[in-house]
Amino acid sequence: MMKPLNLNPRDSRPLIEQIVTGVKRRVDERALRSGTRLPSIRRFAETHGVSKFTVVQAFDRLVAMGYLKSRQGSGFYVAGRTESEHPASEACRLERAVDILWLLRNALTEQSHVAMPGAGWLPAGWMDGAGIQRVMRALARKSGNYLTGYGLPAGYEPLRGLLARHMEDRGIVCSARQIITTRGATHALDLITRLFVKPGDAVLVDDPGYYTLFGYLKLSGARLVGVPWTPGGPDTAVMEELIREHRPKVFFTNSLLHNPTGVSISQAAAHRVLQLAERYDLRVVEDDIYGDLQGGHPSRLAALDQLDRVIFVSSFSKTVSASLRVGFLACKYEIAETLTDLKLLTSLTTSEIDERLVYELLTEGHYRKHLEKLRSRLRKSRIEAVRNLEKCGMEVYRENEDGMFIWARRDASENASQLAAHAAQQGIMLAPGALFRPNQEASPWLRFNAAGCENPAIFRLLADAAPRHGDQDTSLYPGFTA
């Protein structure tokens, strides 16, 4: 029989984390032996006064970490933990990133949700599926070794040449030799992390920032140092203090249409970041995965720096197809050579079939028209989503014209993770701000995807969950009950 854990709802740590820590300690101290059956999810939730959702998430994490095993139809049991099966160092490395898995697991089980305003991508219906099918049929009629063989180490050469020309349109002068294709931006970030980040290194990241990147960095053993993100980009005054204190080698930043706040770096902040990079010998990794969704001529770090200290990362996963997994990075040629070797050692080559498909989509001139449609549709969706969020009593961080993300909160003292847990019980996937903090500290903020806010059930839930001051108009969302 398992004795109840001592959970404190007023603790700054989320209840999920308290449960995970408590069960781990019992297992490590042999208070829970291998093969012991834990209470059912419902019984555990009733005993500890928490939601079943909280228990499910905690147990899922413990399974991922190797502490529990799930037996279908029977429940959860303490797993056997011999040294050969679960080396301590491996368990420790997985534990560093396991919190990041929460949103990934939930986001990728789309069929189980009524609505997904917390997702990080555009709906499938917004993408150019017909264009992809057309190009696939054309490629299928062409013979060649690319159908069965490996591609070039750096990637499909015509695509890299075309990408170099596209970079010039962004104000970044480079050659195809400076570009490496990758399996999406995450692959590019992983390669860069492997090359430049060693265990124990301090690494600067946006706070809030990209949670999957945090997972990679934690697995590498890096110490994450968050640079506060402001409406104009990184807080460069704080950034300099952090550089002096921690002496980092790399700064990873999402400069345009920032994930999760949706704002872009100002030109003044961009210049200051590069000045700090020069003064303190810092390398900057600019993740520009959402930049194509922004109109006009925004300030890119790589354009101001011309790939001297900046490594530029982008992808077509957010604008063409997440399934194709075609991304790229651009940097100094000598770094590109080393990263190409690293790509070979860790994954051989990328798919030339996918890269040829993206190349054809770009060369036929359809991509620019597709982007114009996406931007226009997003602008309309943003206006509507912001209006509905504000009517629910939500405070929007900063309203922009372009991009998919809206950063909003109900109350500065609230932990949005609790609201997200409540929403999940209603089949609505929210993205709580804690997931975007480098060390998952509690946050009142939520990230909303404007393209995923079309279901009135979202705003009905937010309005019903908001503190009652007599000014919420829930009649805006008829036909739904929270």
Protein backbone atom coordinates (compact mmCIF):
# COMPACT_ATOMS: atom_id res chain seq x y z
CA MET A 1 0.00 0.00 0.00
CA MET A 2 1.40 3.37 -1.03
CA LYS A 3 1.29 6.10 1.61
CA PRO A 4 -0.05 9.47 0.37
CA LEU A 5 2.48 12.06 -0.79
CA ASN A 6 2.77 15.45 0.87
CA LEU A 7 1.52 17.79 -1.85
CA ASN A 8 1.30 21.54 -1.34
CA PRO A 9 -1.00 23.41 -3.78
CA ARG A 10 0.58 26.71 -2.64
CA ASP A 11 4.08 25.55 -3.58
CA SER A 12 5.64 27.38 -6.56
CA ARG A 13 6.29 24.00 -8.17
CA PRO A 14 3.40 22.60 -10.24
CA LEU A 15 1.52 19.69 -8.68
CA ILE A 16 2.64 17.44 -11.54
CA GLU A 17 6.26 18.10 -10.63
CA GLN A 18 5.57 17.48 -6.93
CA ILE A 19 4.03 14.08 -7.72
CA VAL A 20 6.92 13.11 -9.99
CA THR A 21 9.49 14.12 -7.38
CA GLY A 22 7.62 12.37 -4.58
CA VAL A 23 7.22 9.05 -6.40
CA LYS A 24 10.82 9.13 -7.63
CA ARG A 25 12.06 9.64 -4.08
CA ARG A 26 9.98 6.71 -2.80
CA VAL A 27 11.37 4.47 -5.55
CA ASP A 28 14.98 5.61 -5.07
CA GLU A 29 14.73 5.10 -1.31
CA ARG A 30 13.19 1.62 -1.87
CA ALA A 31 10.00 2.66 -0.09
CA LEU A 32 8.29 1.55 -3.30
CA ARG A 33 9.72 -1.73 -4.51
CA SER A 34 9.95 -3.06 -8.05
CA GLY A 35 6.61 -4.49 -9.16
CA THR A 36 4.54 -2.53 -6.63
CA ARG A 37 1.18 -1.48 -8.09
CA LEU A 38 0.34 2.19 -7.65
CA PRO A 39 -3.20 3.33 -6.83
CA SER A 40 -5.47 3.81 -9.82
CA ILE A 41 -5.50 7.27 -11.39
CA ARG A 42 -8.94 8.02 -9.96
CA ARG A 43 -8.04 6.80 -6.48
CA PHE A 44 -4.71 8.66 -6.49
CA ALA A 45 -6.49 11.85 -7.58
CA GLU A 46 -9.16 11.51 -4.85
CA THR A 47 -6.60 10.73 -2.15
CA HIS A 48 -4.41 13.71 -3.00
CA GLY A 49 -7.15 16.18 -3.96
CA VAL A 50 -5.87 16.74 -7.49
CA SER A 51 -7.36 16.29 -10.95
CA LYS A 52 -7.10 13.03 -12.87
CA PHE A 53 -5.37 15.01 -15.64
CA THR A 54 -2.60 15.97 -13.21
CA VAL A 55 -2.08 12.34 -12.19
CA VAL A 56 -2.04 11.15 -15.82
CA GLN A 57 0.64 13.70 -16.75
CA ALA A 58 2.76 12.84 -13.70
CA PHE A 59 2.52 9.09 -14.34
CA ASP A 60 3.35 9.61 -18.03
CA ARG A 61 6.53 11.45 -17.04
CA LEU A 62 7.50 8.69 -14.61
CA VAL A 63 7.00 6.11 -17.35
CA ALA A 64 9.19 8.15 -19.73
CA MET A 65 11.88 8.38 -17.04
CA GLY A 66 11.82 4.61 -16.44
CA TYR A 67 10.37 4.72 -12.91
CA LEU A 68 6.97 3.25 -13.78
CA LYS A 69 5.57 0.77 -16.28
CA SER A 70 2.04 0.87 -17.64
CA ARG A 71 0.16 -2.41 -18.05
CA GLN A 72 -2.95 -2.06 -20.17
CA GLY A 73 -6.09 -2.85 -18.22
CA SER A 74 -4.13 -3.28 -14.99
CA GLY A 75 -2.57 0.06 -14.05
CA PHE A 76 0.86 1.46 -13.24
CA TYR A 77 3.65 -0.51 -11.56
CA VAL A 78 7.10 0.39 -10.25
CA ALA A 79 9.61 -0.61 -12.93
CA GLY A 80 12.68 -2.75 -12.28
CA ARG A 81 15.69 -0.44 -12.21
CA THR A 82 18.91 -2.42 -12.55
CA GLU A 83 22.10 -0.55 -13.40
CA SER A 84 22.41 -2.31 -16.76
CA GLU A 85 18.87 -1.42 -17.83
CA HIS A 86 18.82 2.16 -16.55
CA PRO A 87 22.28 3.68 -16.18
CA ALA A 88 22.12 6.65 -13.82
CA SER A 89 23.75 8.98 -16.31
CA GLU A 90 21.18 8.13 -19.02
CA ALA A 91 18.24 8.57 -16.65
CA CYS A 92 19.66 11.91 -15.58
CA ARG A 93 20.01 13.13 -19.15
CA LEU A 94 16.43 12.16 -20.00
CA GLU A 95 15.16 13.81 -16.84
CA ARG A 96 16.67 17.10 -17.95
CA ALA A 97 14.27 17.26 -20.89
CA VAL A 98 11.26 15.27 -19.73
CA ASP A 99 9.20 18.34 -18.75
CA ILE A 100 9.38 19.54 -22.36
CA LEU A 101 7.54 16.41 -23.46
CA TRP A 102 4.25 17.58 -21.91
CA LEU A 103 3.25 19.90 -24.74
CA LEU A 104 4.77 17.71 -27.44
CA ARG A 105 2.73 14.68 -26.36
CA ASN A 106 -0.49 16.66 -26.14
CA ALA A 107 0.06 18.66 -29.32
CA LEU A 108 0.70 15.57 -31.42
CA THR A 109 -2.50 13.78 -30.39
CA GLU A 110 -4.70 16.21 -32.29
CA GLN A 111 -7.53 13.78 -32.79
CA SER A 112 -8.28 13.75 -29.06
CA HIS A 113 -8.92 17.49 -28.80
CA VAL A 114 -11.97 19.62 -29.48
CA ALA A 115 -9.67 22.58 -30.15
CA MET A 116 -5.93 23.27 -30.16
CA PRO A 117 -5.29 26.98 -29.61
CA GLY A 118 -1.94 26.02 -28.04
CA ALA A 119 -0.53 24.32 -31.15
CA GLY A 120 2.60 25.72 -32.77
CA TRP A 121 1.70 25.24 -36.42
CA LEU A 122 -0.91 26.23 -38.96
CA PRO A 123 -3.92 23.95 -39.58
CA ALA A 124 -3.54 21.42 -42.38
CA GLY A 125 -6.30 23.12 -44.34
CA TRP A 126 -4.25 26.31 -44.51
CA MET A 127 -1.31 24.61 -46.23
CA ASP A 128 -0.83 24.04 -49.97
CA GLY A 129 -1.70 20.35 -50.09
CA ALA A 130 -2.84 20.58 -53.71
CA GLY A 131 0.47 22.12 -54.76
CA ILE A 132 2.43 19.39 -52.99
CA GLN A 133 0.36 16.70 -54.69
CA ARG A 134 0.92 18.30 -58.09
CA VAL A 135 4.70 18.41 -57.64
CA MET A 136 4.77 14.87 -56.25
CA ARG A 137 3.05 13.57 -59.38
CA ALA A 138 5.55 15.41 -61.57
CA LEU A 139 8.52 14.04 -59.62
CA ALA A 140 7.12 10.51 -59.77
CA ARG A 141 7.33 10.66 -63.56
CA LYS A 142 11.06 11.43 -63.42
CA SER A 143 13.58 8.64 -63.00
CA GLY A 144 16.87 9.01 -61.19
CA ASN A 145 19.08 7.76 -58.39
CA TYR A 146 17.48 10.23 -56.02
CA LEU A 147 14.51 7.88 -55.72
CA THR A 148 16.57 5.12 -54.08
CA GLY A 149 20.00 6.51 -53.16
CA TYR A 150 21.56 8.89 -50.68
CA GLY A 151 21.70 12.60 -51.39
CA LEU A 152 24.72 14.89 -51.15
CA PRO A 153 26.09 15.48 -47.63
CA ALA A 154 25.27 19.21 -47.64
CA GLY A 155 21.92 18.69 -49.36
CA TYR A 156 20.35 18.97 -52.82
CA GLU A 157 22.61 21.42 -54.64
CA PRO A 158 20.00 23.25 -56.77
CA LEU A 159 17.93 23.88 -53.63
CA ARG A 160 20.95 25.28 -51.78
CA GLY A 161 21.67 27.59 -54.70
CA LEU A 162 18.07 28.78 -54.70
CA LEU A 163 18.16 29.29 -50.94
CA ALA A 164 21.27 31.45 -51.33
CA ARG A 165 19.33 33.70 -53.71
CA HIS A 166 16.41 33.82 -51.27
CA MET A 167 18.85 34.82 -48.54
CA GLU A 168 19.90 37.78 -50.68
CA ASP A 169 16.25 38.85 -50.76
CA ARG A 170 16.47 38.93 -46.95
CA GLY A 171 19.61 41.09 -47.13
CA ILE A 172 22.00 38.22 -46.33
CA VAL A 173 24.77 37.66 -48.86
CA CYS A 174 26.05 34.08 -48.97
CA SER A 175 26.85 31.23 -51.36
CA ALA A 176 25.40 27.74 -51.65
CA ARG A 177 28.60 26.43 -50.00
CA GLN A 178 27.52 28.19 -46.79
CA ILE A 179 24.15 26.44 -46.68
CA ILE A 180 23.35 22.97 -45.31
CA THR A 181 19.91 21.40 -45.62
CA THR A 182 18.44 19.73 -42.54
CA ARG A 183 15.37 17.78 -41.43
CA GLY A 184 13.60 20.91 -40.28
CA ALA A 185 14.87 23.65 -37.98
CA THR A 186 15.04 21.28 -35.00
CA HIS A 187 17.67 19.19 -36.78
CA ALA A 188 19.69 22.34 -37.52
CA LEU A 189 19.52 23.43 -33.87
CA ASP A 190 20.54 19.95 -32.78
CA LEU A 191 23.62 19.99 -35.03
CA ILE A 192 24.65 23.42 -33.77
CA THR A 193 24.17 22.33 -30.17
CA ARG A 194 26.32 19.22 -30.71
CA LEU A 195 29.12 21.34 -32.17
CA PHE A 196 29.17 24.34 -29.85
CA VAL A 197 27.67 23.24 -26.51
CA LYS A 198 29.48 20.99 -24.03
CA PRO A 199 28.24 19.66 -20.66
CA GLY A 200 28.34 22.40 -18.07
CA ASP A 201 28.43 25.26 -20.59
CA ALA A 202 26.27 28.28 -19.90
CA VAL A 203 24.01 29.05 -22.87
CA LEU A 204 21.86 32.15 -23.31
CA VAL A 205 18.26 31.58 -24.46
CA ASP A 206 15.13 33.67 -24.78
CA ASP A 207 12.96 33.81 -21.65
CA PRO A 208 10.28 32.91 -22.58
CA GLY A 209 11.45 30.93 -25.57
CA TYR A 210 11.32 27.77 -27.68
CA TYR A 211 10.67 24.79 -25.38
CA THR A 212 12.00 22.09 -27.77
CA LEU A 213 15.34 23.90 -27.97
CA PHE A 214 15.45 23.90 -24.18
CA GLY A 215 15.03 20.13 -24.29
CA TYR A 216 17.98 19.70 -26.67
CA LEU A 217 20.17 21.94 -24.56
CA LYS A 218 19.27 20.18 -21.33
CA LEU A 219 20.07 16.81 -22.89
CA SER A 220 23.49 18.19 -23.83
CA GLY A 221 24.10 19.13 -20.19
CA ALA A 222 24.01 22.89 -20.79
CA ARG A 223 23.13 25.42 -18.10
CA LEU A 224 20.27 27.52 -19.48
CA VAL A 225 20.47 31.23 -18.74
CA GLY A 226 17.32 33.11 -19.72
CA VAL A 227 17.50 36.57 -21.31
CA PRO A 228 14.22 38.40 -20.62
CA TRP A 229 12.24 39.05 -23.80
CA THR A 230 10.64 42.48 -24.07
CA PRO A 231 8.24 44.02 -26.62
CA GLY A 232 11.36 45.10 -28.55
CA GLY A 233 13.31 41.86 -28.29
CA PRO A 234 16.00 40.74 -25.81
CA ASP A 235 16.60 42.97 -22.79
CA THR A 236 20.16 43.83 -23.79
CA ALA A 237 21.04 45.55 -20.49
CA VAL A 238 20.22 42.38 -18.56
CA MET A 239 21.86 40.33 -21.31
CA GLU A 240 25.19 42.06 -20.76
CA GLU A 241 25.02 41.44 -17.02
CA LEU A 242 24.31 37.75 -17.66
CA ILE A 243 27.21 37.51 -20.11
CA ARG A 244 29.61 38.98 -17.55
CA GLU A 245 28.36 36.62 -14.85
CA HIS A 246 28.09 33.34 -16.80
CA ARG A 247 30.51 33.78 -19.74
CA PRO A 248 28.33 31.90 -22.27
CA LYS A 249 29.59 30.86 -25.69
CA VAL A 250 26.28 30.89 -27.56
CA PHE A 251 23.01 32.83 -27.59
CA PHE A 252 20.01 31.07 -29.20
CA THR A 253 17.23 33.48 -30.14
CA ASN A 254 14.01 33.47 -32.19
CA SER A 255 14.21 36.99 -33.57
CA LEU A 256 11.13 37.43 -35.79
CA LEU A 257 7.52 36.68 -34.78
CA HIS A 258 8.99 35.28 -31.61
CA ASN A 259 7.74 32.03 -30.15
CA PRO A 260 5.80 32.41 -27.84
CA THR A 261 5.22 36.19 -27.57
CA GLY A 262 4.72 36.87 -31.29
CA VAL A 263 6.79 40.10 -31.28
CA SER A 264 9.91 40.80 -33.37
CA ILE A 265 13.28 42.23 -32.45
CA SER A 266 13.70 45.97 -32.98
CA GLN A 267 16.57 47.30 -35.06
CA ALA A 268 18.10 49.00 -32.00
CA ALA A 269 18.03 45.76 -29.99
CA ALA A 270 19.45 43.80 -32.94
CA HIS A 271 22.41 46.17 -33.25
CA ARG A 272 23.02 46.00 -29.50
CA VAL A 273 22.95 42.18 -29.47
CA LEU A 274 25.62 42.11 -32.18
CA GLN A 275 27.72 44.65 -30.31
CA LEU A 276 27.63 42.42 -27.24
CA ALA A 277 28.47 39.38 -29.34
CA GLU A 278 31.55 41.15 -30.70
CA ARG A 279 32.66 42.48 -27.32
CA TYR A 280 32.30 39.19 -25.46
CA ASP A 281 33.16 36.75 -28.28
CA LEU A 282 29.64 35.31 -28.37
CA ARG A 283 28.14 33.27 -31.20
CA VAL A 284 24.47 34.01 -32.05
CA VAL A 285 22.09 31.39 -33.45
CA GLU A 286 19.13 33.13 -35.13
CA ASP A 287 16.07 30.89 -35.47
CA ASP A 288 14.01 32.47 -38.26
CA ILE A 289 11.44 29.70 -38.69
CA TYR A 290 8.46 32.13 -38.66
CA GLY A 291 10.10 35.01 -40.54
CA ASP A 292 8.43 34.30 -43.89
CA LEU A 293 5.06 35.02 -42.26
CA GLN A 294 6.09 38.62 -41.60
CA GLY A 295 5.57 41.23 -44.27
CA GLY A 296 7.80 44.20 -45.03
CA HIS A 297 11.54 44.26 -44.41
CA PRO A 298 12.17 43.24 -40.79
CA SER A 299 15.55 43.52 -39.03
CA ARG A 300 17.34 40.18 -39.12
CA LEU A 301 20.49 39.68 -37.09
CA ALA A 302 22.06 37.72 -39.95
CA ALA A 303 21.46 40.61 -42.36
CA LEU A 304 23.14 43.10 -40.05
CA ASP A 305 26.00 40.69 -39.28
CA GLN A 306 26.36 38.98 -42.70
CA LEU A 307 26.99 35.60 -41.04
CA ASP A 308 30.13 36.73 -39.23
CA ARG A 309 29.01 35.73 -35.72
CA VAL A 310 25.45 34.70 -36.60
CA ILE A 311 24.32 31.23 -37.68
CA PHE A 312 20.98 31.52 -39.46
CA VAL A 313 18.37 28.75 -39.17
CA SER A 314 15.08 28.44 -41.05
CA SER A 315 12.62 25.86 -42.33
CA PHE A 316 9.61 25.31 -44.56
CA SER A 317 7.79 23.25 -41.91
CA LYS A 318 5.56 26.16 -40.85
CA THR A 319 4.73 27.42 -44.34
CA VAL A 320 4.88 24.44 -46.74
CA SER A 321 4.64 21.15 -44.86
CA ALA A 322 5.65 19.84 -41.44
CA SER A 323 5.67 16.32 -42.89
CA LEU A 324 8.38 17.09 -45.47
CA ARG A 325 10.82 18.20 -42.74
CA VAL A 326 12.97 20.43 -44.96
CA GLY A 327 15.01 23.12 -43.23
CA PHE A 328 18.45 24.68 -43.58
CA LEU A 329 21.16 26.64 -41.83
CA ALA A 330 23.57 29.25 -43.19
CA CYS A 331 26.90 30.25 -41.65
CA LYS A 332 30.57 30.86 -42.36
CA TYR A 333 31.99 28.35 -44.83
CA GLU A 334 34.48 26.84 -42.36
CA ILE A 335 31.67 26.22 -39.86
CA ALA A 336 29.48 24.82 -42.64
CA GLU A 337 32.18 22.26 -43.47
CA THR A 338 32.33 21.07 -39.86
CA LEU A 339 28.54 20.94 -39.51
CA THR A 340 28.30 18.95 -42.76
CA ASP A 341 30.70 16.37 -41.32
CA LEU A 342 28.64 16.27 -38.14
CA LYS A 343 25.47 15.79 -40.18
CA LEU A 344 27.10 12.84 -41.95
CA LEU A 345 28.20 11.23 -38.70
CA THR A 346 24.84 11.60 -36.96
CA SER A 347 22.28 11.14 -39.76
CA LEU A 348 24.12 10.56 -43.07
CA THR A 349 22.12 12.70 -45.52
CA THR A 350 18.72 14.32 -45.71
CA SER A 351 15.95 13.23 -48.09
CA GLU A 352 16.65 14.42 -51.64
CA ILE A 353 13.10 13.51 -52.62
CA ASP A 354 11.69 15.98 -50.09
CA GLU A 355 14.28 18.62 -51.00
CA ARG A 356 13.52 18.30 -54.71
CA LEU A 357 9.84 18.67 -53.93
CA VAL A 358 10.42 21.90 -52.00
CA TYR A 359 12.74 23.13 -54.76
CA GLU A 360 10.01 22.65 -57.38
CA LEU A 361 7.46 24.45 -55.18
CA LEU A 362 9.83 27.41 -54.81
CA THR A 363 10.86 27.63 -58.45
CA GLU A 364 7.35 27.53 -59.93
CA GLY A 365 6.61 30.88 -58.29
CA HIS A 366 3.70 29.58 -56.25
CA TYR A 367 5.40 29.99 -52.86
CA ARG A 368 5.22 33.79 -52.79
CA LYS A 369 1.50 33.74 -53.61
CA HIS A 370 0.96 31.06 -50.96
CA LEU A 371 2.75 33.24 -48.36
CA GLU A 372 0.60 36.24 -49.25
CA LYS A 373 -2.54 34.17 -48.67
CA LEU A 374 -1.22 32.86 -45.34
CA ARG A 375 -0.31 36.36 -44.11
CA SER A 376 -3.69 37.76 -45.11
CA ARG A 377 -5.59 34.91 -43.46
CA LEU A 378 -3.50 35.14 -40.29
CA ARG A 379 -4.08 38.89 -40.01
CA LYS A 380 -7.83 38.39 -40.09
CA SER A 381 -7.65 35.53 -37.58
CA ARG A 382 -5.42 37.57 -35.24
CA ILE A 383 -7.87 40.47 -35.16
CA GLU A 384 -10.75 38.15 -34.31
CA ALA A 385 -8.77 36.13 -31.76
CA VAL A 386 -7.49 39.22 -29.93
CA ARG A 387 -11.00 40.69 -29.83
CA ASN A 388 -12.39 37.49 -28.31
CA LEU A 389 -9.54 37.11 -25.82
CA GLU A 390 -10.00 40.65 -24.56
CA LYS A 391 -13.76 40.12 -24.21
CA CYS A 392 -12.92 37.16 -21.98
CA GLY A 393 -10.91 39.45 -19.71
CA MET A 394 -7.51 38.42 -21.12
CA GLU A 395 -4.63 40.88 -21.32
CA VAL A 396 -2.68 40.65 -24.60
CA TYR A 397 1.08 41.19 -24.28
CA ARG A 398 1.42 43.18 -27.47
CA GLU A 399 -0.70 43.21 -30.59
CA ASN A 400 1.06 42.79 -33.94
CA GLU A 401 -0.14 42.64 -37.50
CA ASP A 402 1.64 39.46 -38.58
CA GLY A 403 2.37 35.97 -37.30
CA MET A 404 0.41 33.27 -35.55
CA PHE A 405 1.22 33.69 -31.84
CA ILE A 406 -0.63 35.77 -29.26
CA TRP A 407 0.77 35.95 -25.69
CA ALA A 408 -1.99 36.65 -23.17
CA ARG A 409 -2.86 36.26 -19.49
CA ARG A 410 -5.82 36.61 -17.16
CA ASP A 411 -4.11 37.72 -13.95
CA ALA A 412 -0.47 38.48 -13.13
CA SER A 413 -0.61 36.33 -9.98
CA GLU A 414 -2.12 33.27 -11.68
CA ASN A 415 -0.35 30.02 -12.63
CA ALA A 416 -1.64 29.35 -16.15
CA SER A 417 -0.74 25.65 -15.86
CA GLN A 418 -3.82 25.16 -13.69
CA LEU A 419 -6.05 26.72 -16.34
CA ALA A 420 -4.39 24.54 -18.99
CA ALA A 421 -5.09 21.42 -16.92
CA HIS A 422 -8.74 22.45 -16.57
CA ALA A 423 -9.00 23.13 -20.31
CA ALA A 424 -7.50 19.72 -21.13
CA GLN A 425 -10.33 18.06 -19.24
CA GLN A 426 -12.68 19.82 -21.66
CA GLY A 427 -10.68 18.64 -24.68
CA ILE A 428 -9.01 22.02 -25.32
CA MET A 429 -5.23 22.12 -25.54
CA LEU A 430 -3.73 25.34 -24.18
CA ALA A 431 0.00 26.12 -23.99
CA PRO A 432 0.83 27.44 -20.48
CA GLY A 433 3.68 29.90 -20.12
CA ALA A 434 5.71 27.69 -17.78
CA LEU A 435 6.59 25.44 -20.72
CA PHE A 436 8.34 28.35 -22.41
CA ARG A 437 10.48 29.29 -19.41
CA PRO A 438 14.04 27.88 -19.44
CA ASN A 439 13.50 26.13 -16.12
CA GLN A 440 9.71 25.79 -16.30
CA GLU A 441 8.99 28.39 -13.61
CA ALA A 442 5.32 29.17 -13.01
CA SER A 443 3.88 31.79 -15.37
CA PRO A 444 0.52 33.54 -15.76
CA TRP A 445 0.88 33.70 -19.55
CA LEU A 446 -0.59 31.47 -22.24
CA ARG A 447 0.44 31.15 -25.89
CA PHE A 448 -2.45 31.23 -28.35
CA ASN A 449 -2.21 30.37 -32.04
CA ALA A 450 -4.47 32.77 -33.95
CA ALA A 451 -5.09 30.10 -36.59
CA GLY A 452 -6.33 27.69 -33.92
CA CYS A 453 -8.79 30.01 -32.20
CA GLU A 454 -11.80 29.56 -34.45
CA ASN A 455 -13.75 27.27 -32.11
CA PRO A 456 -16.07 29.30 -29.81
CA ALA A 457 -15.63 26.63 -27.10
CA ILE A 458 -12.20 28.12 -26.38
CA PHE A 459 -13.56 31.50 -25.42
CA ARG A 460 -16.54 30.03 -23.62
CA LEU A 461 -14.13 28.14 -21.38
CA LEU A 462 -11.93 31.19 -20.81
CA ALA A 463 -14.91 33.39 -20.01
CA ASP A 464 -16.39 30.82 -17.60
CA ALA A 465 -13.03 30.33 -15.87
CA ALA A 466 -12.35 34.06 -15.45
CA PRO A 467 -12.98 35.83 -12.12
CA ARG A 468 -16.49 37.25 -12.10
CA HIS A 469 -16.59 41.04 -12.17
CA GLY A 470 -19.89 41.30 -14.00
CA ASP A 471 -18.29 42.36 -17.27
CA GLN A 472 -17.76 39.08 -19.13
CA ASP A 473 -20.26 38.52 -21.92
CA THR A 474 -20.49 34.73 -22.30
CA SER A 475 -23.40 35.04 -24.72
CA LEU A 476 -20.82 35.69 -27.41
CA TYR A 477 -20.22 31.94 -27.68
CA PRO A 478 -23.62 30.24 -27.91
CA GLY A 479 -24.06 26.50 -27.99
CA PHE A 480 -21.08 25.57 -25.85
CA THR A 481 -20.81 24.74 -22.17
CA ALA A 482 -17.55 24.63 -20.26
